[in-house]
């Protein structure tokens, strides 16, 4: 299958991000980092590869007659699908790999459950460290990942008097802080 990302489609992707070439490059790098964190946070096996696949799929769409008005939101939706596919395939690949490679250490499901429980415990602790207004904003923003989330987030932005992009940026900054807090917390717990 054609990867979809060549000089022409990459140029179109950058142009969609911003007409100014320098700003487009910066936005691309920001979006790339955000997508990598998106995949890491959800436990995707190869976040950089899934990010590349996301950009490839978006590039293929841009090569056609489609016009994408909110490239960041579109990339996020494509990334959600790529992540679901990666997580489905992760279980199949792991079981096949473990069966074929009997000398490799196999993670005990109890260890995985304990690790997940530690991350969730750290997330709860980190959420409680946020000011109440920020905690409520993050919880409301991510309360539901169904198809209705777009309208709810739009209503939330209107209620707060923000543009949707400004709301998404604010929540992303809070999420980045949470991620750093959770990573510090889990490192401390694993060192004990």
Protein backbone atom coordinates (compact mmCIF):
# COMPACT_ATOMS: atom_id res chain seq x y z
CA UNK A 1 0.00 0.00 0.00
CA UNK A 2 1.22 3.52 -0.80
CA UNK A 3 2.28 5.31 2.38
CA UNK A 4 0.47 8.44 1.23
CA UNK A 5 3.16 10.84 2.43
CA UNK A 6 5.35 12.15 -0.36
CA UNK A 7 6.73 15.65 -0.99
CA UNK A 8 3.52 16.86 -2.61
CA UNK A 9 1.12 15.48 0.01
CA UNK A 10 3.43 16.55 2.85
CA UNK A 11 3.46 20.06 1.37
CA UNK A 12 -0.34 20.02 1.23
CA UNK A 13 -0.47 18.83 4.83
CA UNK A 14 1.81 21.70 5.90
CA UNK A 15 -0.24 24.20 3.88
CA UNK A 16 -3.38 22.94 5.60
CA UNK A 17 -1.72 23.54 8.98
CA UNK A 18 -0.69 27.11 8.11
CA UNK A 19 -0.01 29.11 4.92
CA UNK A 20 3.27 30.39 6.42
CA UNK A 21 5.91 27.68 5.93
CA UNK A 22 7.75 28.32 9.23
CA UNK A 23 4.59 28.36 11.32
CA UNK A 24 3.34 25.27 9.47
CA UNK A 25 6.53 23.42 10.40
CA UNK A 26 6.15 24.41 14.04
CA UNK A 27 2.49 23.35 14.05
CA UNK A 28 3.42 20.04 12.45
CA UNK A 29 6.02 19.35 15.15
CA UNK A 30 3.57 20.35 17.90
CA UNK A 31 0.88 18.13 16.43
CA UNK A 32 3.35 15.27 16.05
CA UNK A 33 4.40 15.51 19.72
CA UNK A 34 0.76 15.69 20.79
CA UNK A 35 -0.15 12.60 18.77
CA UNK A 36 2.82 10.66 20.13
CA UNK A 37 1.69 11.51 23.67
CA UNK A 38 -1.87 10.54 22.70
CA UNK A 39 -0.68 7.06 21.66
CA UNK A 40 1.65 6.69 24.66
CA UNK A 41 -1.09 7.62 27.10
CA UNK A 42 -3.41 5.00 25.62
CA UNK A 43 -0.78 2.25 25.69
CA UNK A 44 -0.27 1.88 21.94
CA UNK A 45 2.71 -0.40 21.23
CA UNK A 46 4.69 1.94 18.89
CA UNK A 47 3.52 5.56 19.34
CA UNK A 48 5.86 7.03 16.71
CA UNK A 49 4.75 4.46 14.13
CA UNK A 50 1.06 5.06 14.90
CA UNK A 51 1.67 8.82 14.58
CA UNK A 52 3.28 8.28 11.17
CA UNK A 53 0.34 6.11 10.12
CA UNK A 54 -2.05 8.86 11.22
CA UNK A 55 -0.23 11.42 9.08
CA UNK A 56 -0.14 8.97 6.15
CA UNK A 57 -3.91 8.50 6.29
CA UNK A 58 -4.54 12.23 6.58
CA UNK A 59 -2.18 12.84 3.64
CA UNK A 60 -4.10 10.32 1.53
CA UNK A 61 -7.33 12.18 2.30
CA UNK A 62 -5.72 15.52 1.45
CA UNK A 63 -4.61 14.13 -1.92
CA UNK A 64 -8.27 13.76 -2.87
CA UNK A 65 -10.97 16.36 -3.37
CA UNK A 66 -11.72 16.64 0.36
CA UNK A 67 -11.33 19.93 2.24
CA UNK A 68 -10.41 19.61 5.92
CA UNK A 69 -11.18 22.73 7.92
CA UNK A 70 -9.90 21.63 11.34
CA UNK A 71 -6.78 19.61 10.60
CA UNK A 72 -5.93 19.08 14.27
CA UNK A 73 -9.36 17.68 15.07
CA UNK A 74 -9.30 15.53 11.95
CA UNK A 75 -5.87 14.14 12.88
CA UNK A 76 -7.15 13.38 16.38
CA UNK A 77 -10.11 11.42 15.00
CA UNK A 78 -7.85 9.48 12.63
CA UNK A 79 -5.46 8.83 15.53
CA UNK A 80 -8.30 7.39 17.61
CA UNK A 81 -9.03 4.87 14.86
CA UNK A 82 -5.34 4.03 14.39
CA UNK A 83 -5.02 3.55 18.15
CA UNK A 84 -7.99 1.20 18.29
CA UNK A 85 -6.51 -0.85 15.46
CA UNK A 86 -3.09 -0.90 17.14
CA UNK A 87 -4.51 -2.01 20.47
CA UNK A 88 -6.56 -4.76 18.83
CA UNK A 89 -3.51 -6.00 16.97
CA UNK A 90 -1.28 -5.68 20.05
CA UNK A 91 -2.98 -8.57 21.84
CA UNK A 92 -2.86 -10.78 18.74
CA UNK A 93 0.80 -9.97 18.02
CA UNK A 94 1.87 -10.44 21.64
CA UNK A 95 0.28 -13.87 21.97
CA UNK A 96 1.80 -15.00 18.67
CA UNK A 97 5.21 -13.63 19.60
CA UNK A 98 5.18 -15.21 23.05
CA UNK A 99 4.19 -18.59 21.63
CA UNK A 100 6.97 -18.42 19.04
CA UNK A 101 9.64 -17.15 21.43
CA UNK A 102 9.48 -19.43 24.45
CA UNK A 103 12.72 -18.11 25.95
CA UNK A 104 11.39 -14.54 26.23
CA UNK A 105 10.03 -13.48 29.59
CA UNK A 106 6.25 -13.30 29.57
CA UNK A 107 4.63 -10.65 31.72
CA UNK A 108 2.46 -12.03 34.44
CA UNK A 109 -1.10 -10.71 34.06
CA UNK A 110 -1.03 -9.86 37.78
CA UNK A 111 2.01 -7.61 37.19
CA UNK A 112 0.19 -5.83 34.37
CA UNK A 113 -2.90 -5.41 36.57
CA UNK A 114 -0.78 -4.04 39.42
CA UNK A 115 0.97 -1.63 37.04
CA UNK A 116 -2.35 -0.42 35.67
CA UNK A 117 -3.72 -0.02 39.19
CA UNK A 118 -0.63 2.00 40.17
CA UNK A 119 -1.09 4.31 37.15
CA UNK A 120 -4.77 4.81 37.98
CA UNK A 121 -3.93 5.52 41.60
CA UNK A 122 -1.34 8.07 40.49
CA UNK A 123 -3.83 9.63 38.08
CA UNK A 124 -6.37 10.04 40.88
CA UNK A 125 -3.71 11.62 43.10
CA UNK A 126 -2.56 13.97 40.33
CA UNK A 127 -6.13 14.96 39.47
CA UNK A 128 -6.74 15.81 43.12
CA UNK A 129 -3.65 18.05 43.11
CA UNK A 130 -5.18 20.22 40.36
CA UNK A 131 -7.20 23.28 41.33
CA UNK A 132 -10.89 22.29 41.43
CA UNK A 133 -11.83 24.34 38.33
CA UNK A 134 -9.06 22.71 36.26
CA UNK A 135 -9.92 19.24 37.54
CA UNK A 136 -13.59 19.73 36.62
CA UNK A 137 -12.62 21.07 33.18
CA UNK A 138 -10.46 18.01 32.40
CA UNK A 139 -13.08 15.60 33.74
CA UNK A 140 -15.88 17.22 31.74
CA UNK A 141 -13.79 17.48 28.57
CA UNK A 142 -12.87 13.77 28.62
CA UNK A 143 -16.06 12.48 30.22
CA UNK A 144 -17.21 10.71 27.08
CA UNK A 145 -15.44 9.62 23.88
CA UNK A 146 -18.61 8.77 21.95
CA UNK A 147 -19.69 10.57 18.79
CA UNK A 148 -21.55 13.20 20.84
CA UNK A 149 -18.37 14.55 22.40
CA UNK A 150 -17.91 17.16 19.65
CA UNK A 151 -21.20 18.89 20.46
CA UNK A 152 -20.59 18.67 24.22
CA UNK A 153 -17.13 20.19 23.85
CA UNK A 154 -18.53 22.93 21.64
CA UNK A 155 -21.14 23.73 24.32
CA UNK A 156 -18.42 23.68 27.00
CA UNK A 157 -16.32 26.14 24.99
CA UNK A 158 -19.32 28.44 24.55
CA UNK A 159 -20.15 28.25 28.26
CA UNK A 160 -16.57 29.23 29.12
CA UNK A 161 -16.49 31.94 26.45
CA UNK A 162 -13.65 30.27 24.54
CA UNK A 163 -13.04 29.22 20.96
CA UNK A 164 -12.99 25.41 20.62
CA UNK A 165 -9.29 25.49 19.71
CA UNK A 166 -8.50 27.59 22.80
CA UNK A 167 -10.40 25.11 24.96
CA UNK A 168 -8.53 22.20 23.37
CA UNK A 169 -5.20 23.96 23.96
CA UNK A 170 -6.05 24.68 27.61
CA UNK A 171 -7.07 21.08 28.21
CA UNK A 172 -3.94 19.81 26.41
CA UNK A 173 -1.73 21.87 28.73
CA UNK A 174 -3.55 20.45 31.74
CA UNK A 175 -3.24 16.97 30.32
CA UNK A 176 0.50 17.44 29.78
CA UNK A 177 0.86 18.45 33.45
CA UNK A 178 -1.16 15.41 34.50
CA UNK A 179 0.95 13.12 32.35
CA UNK A 180 4.17 14.45 33.88
CA UNK A 181 2.73 14.10 37.37
CA UNK A 182 1.59 10.51 36.70
CA UNK A 183 4.98 9.58 35.25
CA UNK A 184 6.80 10.98 38.32
CA UNK A 185 4.39 9.21 40.63
CA UNK A 186 4.68 5.82 38.90
CA UNK A 187 8.50 6.09 38.88
CA UNK A 188 8.43 6.73 42.63
CA UNK A 189 6.10 3.79 43.21
CA UNK A 190 8.20 1.43 41.09
CA UNK A 191 11.35 2.49 42.98
CA UNK A 192 9.80 1.38 46.27
